[in-house]
Amino acid sequence: MSNFSFPRPTDVAPRQVREVVEGACPSCGAGALMRYPVLSEGGWFMVVKCQDCLASVSRERWALLGHVRLQTDNIR
């Protein structure tokens, strides 16, 4: 039997925190750029997208399992 106690989440639905990015969208000119992780057919990516027109500004490969970090992720 485990002695760990994990409280029940109070959020109704999970939320992904988005980081504001300075600059303007190259497609529509809006200043609504955000950086956040997404899962696509190629795996996890950290993207910067315009929140008005959803144009992708950048897309970089992220952690293999997304938010789950393995000790082997630190080996280079």
N, C-alpha and C. Protein backbone atom coordinates (compact mmCIF):
# COMPACT_ATOMS: atom_id res chain seq x y z
N MET A 1 0.84 -1.18 0.00
CA MET A 1 0.00 0.00 0.00
C MET A 1 0.89 1.24 0.00
N SER A 2 0.52 2.21 -0.77
CA SER A 2 1.31 3.42 -0.92
C SER A 2 0.89 4.49 0.09
N ASN A 3 1.85 5.29 0.53
CA ASN A 3 1.57 6.39 1.45
C ASN A 3 1.41 7.71 0.73
N PHE A 4 1.42 7.67 -0.59
CA PHE A 4 1.29 8.90 -1.37
C PHE A 4 -0.17 9.33 -1.43
N SER A 5 -0.38 10.63 -1.33
CA SER A 5 -1.72 11.18 -1.42
C SER A 5 -1.73 12.26 -2.51
N PHE A 6 -2.51 12.06 -3.51
CA PHE A 6 -2.63 13.03 -4.60
C PHE A 6 -4.03 13.61 -4.58
N PRO A 7 -4.14 14.93 -4.39
CA PRO A 7 -5.47 15.53 -4.33
C PRO A 7 -6.17 15.50 -5.69
N ARG A 8 -7.45 15.41 -5.65
CA ARG A 8 -8.24 15.42 -6.88
C ARG A 8 -8.13 16.79 -7.52
N PRO A 9 -7.93 16.84 -8.86
CA PRO A 9 -7.85 18.14 -9.54
C PRO A 9 -9.14 18.93 -9.36
N THR A 10 -9.01 20.24 -9.21
CA THR A 10 -10.18 21.08 -9.05
C THR A 10 -10.65 21.69 -10.36
N ASP A 11 -9.80 21.66 -11.41
CA ASP A 11 -10.19 22.18 -12.71
C ASP A 11 -11.19 21.25 -13.38
N VAL A 12 -12.18 21.83 -14.02
CA VAL A 12 -13.18 21.03 -14.73
C VAL A 12 -12.55 20.36 -15.94
N ALA A 13 -11.67 21.07 -16.63
CA ALA A 13 -10.98 20.53 -17.81
C ALA A 13 -9.52 20.95 -17.74
N PRO A 14 -8.62 20.11 -18.27
CA PRO A 14 -7.21 20.50 -18.27
C PRO A 14 -6.99 21.73 -19.15
N ARG A 15 -6.02 22.56 -18.77
CA ARG A 15 -5.70 23.77 -19.53
C ARG A 15 -4.22 23.76 -19.87
N GLN A 16 -3.89 24.18 -21.06
CA GLN A 16 -2.50 24.34 -21.46
C GLN A 16 -2.12 25.81 -21.31
N VAL A 17 -1.10 26.08 -20.52
CA VAL A 17 -0.62 27.45 -20.35
C VAL A 17 0.09 27.87 -21.62
N ARG A 18 -0.26 29.02 -22.14
CA ARG A 18 0.36 29.55 -23.35
C ARG A 18 1.20 30.76 -22.99
N GLU A 19 2.37 30.86 -23.62
CA GLU A 19 3.31 31.93 -23.36
C GLU A 19 3.19 33.00 -24.44
N VAL A 20 3.00 34.24 -24.04
CA VAL A 20 2.89 35.35 -24.99
C VAL A 20 4.25 35.57 -25.66
N VAL A 21 4.23 35.77 -26.98
CA VAL A 21 5.44 36.03 -27.76
C VAL A 21 5.30 37.41 -28.38
N GLU A 22 6.34 38.21 -28.24
CA GLU A 22 6.35 39.56 -28.82
C GLU A 22 6.44 39.49 -30.33
N GLY A 23 5.84 40.43 -31.01
CA GLY A 23 5.92 40.51 -32.46
C GLY A 23 4.56 40.43 -33.10
N ALA A 24 4.59 40.49 -34.44
CA ALA A 24 3.35 40.45 -35.21
C ALA A 24 3.34 39.24 -36.12
N CYS A 25 2.16 38.77 -36.42
CA CYS A 25 1.98 37.62 -37.32
C CYS A 25 2.41 38.02 -38.73
N PRO A 26 3.24 37.20 -39.39
CA PRO A 26 3.64 37.52 -40.76
C PRO A 26 2.49 37.38 -41.77
N SER A 27 1.45 36.64 -41.42
CA SER A 27 0.32 36.44 -42.34
C SER A 27 -0.74 37.52 -42.25
N CYS A 28 -1.18 37.83 -41.01
CA CYS A 28 -2.28 38.79 -40.86
C CYS A 28 -1.89 40.09 -40.17
N GLY A 29 -0.68 40.14 -39.58
CA GLY A 29 -0.22 41.36 -38.92
C GLY A 29 -0.68 41.54 -37.49
N ALA A 30 -1.48 40.62 -36.98
CA ALA A 30 -1.98 40.73 -35.60
C ALA A 30 -0.85 40.51 -34.60
N GLY A 31 -0.94 41.14 -33.46
CA GLY A 31 0.05 40.97 -32.41
C GLY A 31 -0.38 39.94 -31.39
N ALA A 32 -0.92 38.84 -31.85
CA ALA A 32 -1.49 37.82 -30.96
C ALA A 32 -0.73 36.50 -31.08
N LEU A 33 0.60 36.54 -30.90
CA LEU A 33 1.41 35.32 -31.00
C LEU A 33 1.53 34.65 -29.65
N MET A 34 1.39 33.31 -29.64
CA MET A 34 1.51 32.51 -28.43
C MET A 34 2.39 31.30 -28.71
N ARG A 35 3.12 30.88 -27.68
CA ARG A 35 3.99 29.70 -27.77
C ARG A 35 3.44 28.63 -26.84
N TYR A 36 3.31 27.38 -27.38
CA TYR A 36 2.77 26.28 -26.58
C TYR A 36 3.05 24.95 -27.28
N PRO A 37 3.01 23.83 -26.53
CA PRO A 37 3.26 22.52 -27.13
C PRO A 37 2.01 21.98 -27.82
N VAL A 38 2.23 21.25 -28.93
CA VAL A 38 1.14 20.57 -29.64
C VAL A 38 1.60 19.16 -30.01
N LEU A 39 0.65 18.25 -30.10
CA LEU A 39 0.92 16.89 -30.54
C LEU A 39 0.36 16.74 -31.93
N SER A 40 1.21 16.31 -32.87
CA SER A 40 0.77 16.10 -34.25
C SER A 40 1.23 14.73 -34.71
N GLU A 41 1.02 14.43 -35.98
CA GLU A 41 1.39 13.12 -36.52
C GLU A 41 2.88 12.84 -36.41
N GLY A 42 3.70 13.87 -36.27
CA GLY A 42 5.16 13.70 -36.16
C GLY A 42 5.67 13.68 -34.74
N GLY A 43 4.78 13.76 -33.76
CA GLY A 43 5.18 13.78 -32.35
C GLY A 43 4.87 15.13 -31.72
N TRP A 44 5.56 15.43 -30.62
CA TRP A 44 5.36 16.67 -29.89
C TRP A 44 6.22 17.78 -30.47
N PHE A 45 5.63 18.98 -30.61
CA PHE A 45 6.34 20.14 -31.11
C PHE A 45 6.01 21.34 -30.24
N MET A 46 6.98 22.25 -30.10
CA MET A 46 6.74 23.54 -29.45
C MET A 46 6.52 24.52 -30.60
N VAL A 47 5.35 25.14 -30.64
CA VAL A 47 4.98 26.01 -31.76
C VAL A 47 4.73 27.43 -31.30
N VAL A 48 4.88 28.36 -32.24
CA VAL A 48 4.44 29.73 -32.06
C VAL A 48 3.39 29.95 -33.14
N LYS A 49 2.17 30.26 -32.70
CA LYS A 49 1.06 30.43 -33.63
C LYS A 49 0.33 31.74 -33.36
N CYS A 50 -0.22 32.30 -34.42
CA CYS A 50 -1.08 33.47 -34.30
C CYS A 50 -2.43 33.00 -33.78
N GLN A 51 -2.94 33.66 -32.75
CA GLN A 51 -4.21 33.26 -32.17
C GLN A 51 -5.41 33.83 -32.93
N ASP A 52 -5.15 34.73 -33.89
CA ASP A 52 -6.23 35.28 -34.72
C ASP A 52 -6.46 34.43 -35.96
N CYS A 53 -5.39 34.16 -36.72
CA CYS A 53 -5.56 33.43 -38.00
C CYS A 53 -5.00 32.01 -37.94
N LEU A 54 -4.38 31.61 -36.82
CA LEU A 54 -3.80 30.28 -36.59
C LEU A 54 -2.63 29.93 -37.52
N ALA A 55 -2.00 30.96 -38.10
CA ALA A 55 -0.80 30.72 -38.92
C ALA A 55 0.34 30.28 -38.00
N SER A 56 1.12 29.29 -38.45
CA SER A 56 2.29 28.85 -37.70
C SER A 56 3.47 29.73 -38.02
N VAL A 57 4.09 30.28 -36.98
CA VAL A 57 5.27 31.13 -37.15
C VAL A 57 6.53 30.29 -36.99
N SER A 58 6.53 29.36 -36.03
CA SER A 58 7.66 28.44 -35.87
C SER A 58 7.16 27.12 -35.29
N ARG A 59 7.97 26.08 -35.52
CA ARG A 59 7.62 24.73 -35.05
C ARG A 59 8.92 23.97 -34.81
N GLU A 60 9.21 23.67 -33.55
CA GLU A 60 10.44 22.97 -33.17
C GLU A 60 10.09 21.67 -32.47
N ARG A 61 10.86 20.62 -32.75
CA ARG A 61 10.63 19.33 -32.09
C ARG A 61 10.77 19.52 -30.59
N TRP A 62 9.87 18.90 -29.82
CA TRP A 62 9.86 19.02 -28.37
C TRP A 62 10.18 17.67 -27.77
N ALA A 63 9.88 17.44 -26.51
CA ALA A 63 10.17 16.20 -25.81
C ALA A 63 9.42 15.02 -26.44
N LEU A 64 10.05 13.86 -26.41
CA LEU A 64 9.48 12.66 -27.03
C LEU A 64 8.08 12.33 -26.51
N LEU A 65 7.88 12.44 -25.21
CA LEU A 65 6.58 12.11 -24.61
C LEU A 65 5.84 13.35 -24.11
N GLY A 66 6.18 14.51 -24.64
CA GLY A 66 5.49 15.73 -24.26
C GLY A 66 5.81 16.15 -22.85
N HIS A 67 4.79 16.25 -22.01
CA HIS A 67 4.97 16.73 -20.64
C HIS A 67 5.62 15.68 -19.74
N VAL A 68 5.65 14.43 -20.16
CA VAL A 68 6.28 13.37 -19.37
C VAL A 68 7.78 13.40 -19.63
N ARG A 69 8.57 13.60 -18.60
CA ARG A 69 10.03 13.68 -18.75
C ARG A 69 10.68 12.39 -18.26
N LEU A 70 11.52 11.81 -19.09
CA LEU A 70 12.27 10.62 -18.73
C LEU A 70 13.70 11.02 -18.37
N GLN A 71 14.35 10.22 -17.55
CA GLN A 71 15.76 10.49 -17.21
C GLN A 71 16.63 10.41 -18.47
N THR A 72 16.28 9.55 -19.40
CA THR A 72 17.07 9.41 -20.63
C THR A 72 16.98 10.63 -21.54
N ASP A 73 16.00 11.51 -21.30
CA ASP A 73 15.89 12.74 -22.11
C ASP A 73 17.08 13.67 -21.87
N ASN A 74 17.76 13.51 -20.72
CA ASN A 74 18.89 14.37 -20.36
C ASN A 74 20.22 13.89 -20.94
N ILE A 75 20.24 12.70 -21.53
CA ILE A 75 21.47 12.14 -22.10
C ILE A 75 21.67 12.73 -23.49
N ARG A 76 22.85 13.25 -23.72
CA ARG A 76 23.15 13.82 -25.06
C ARG A 76 24.44 13.30 -25.56
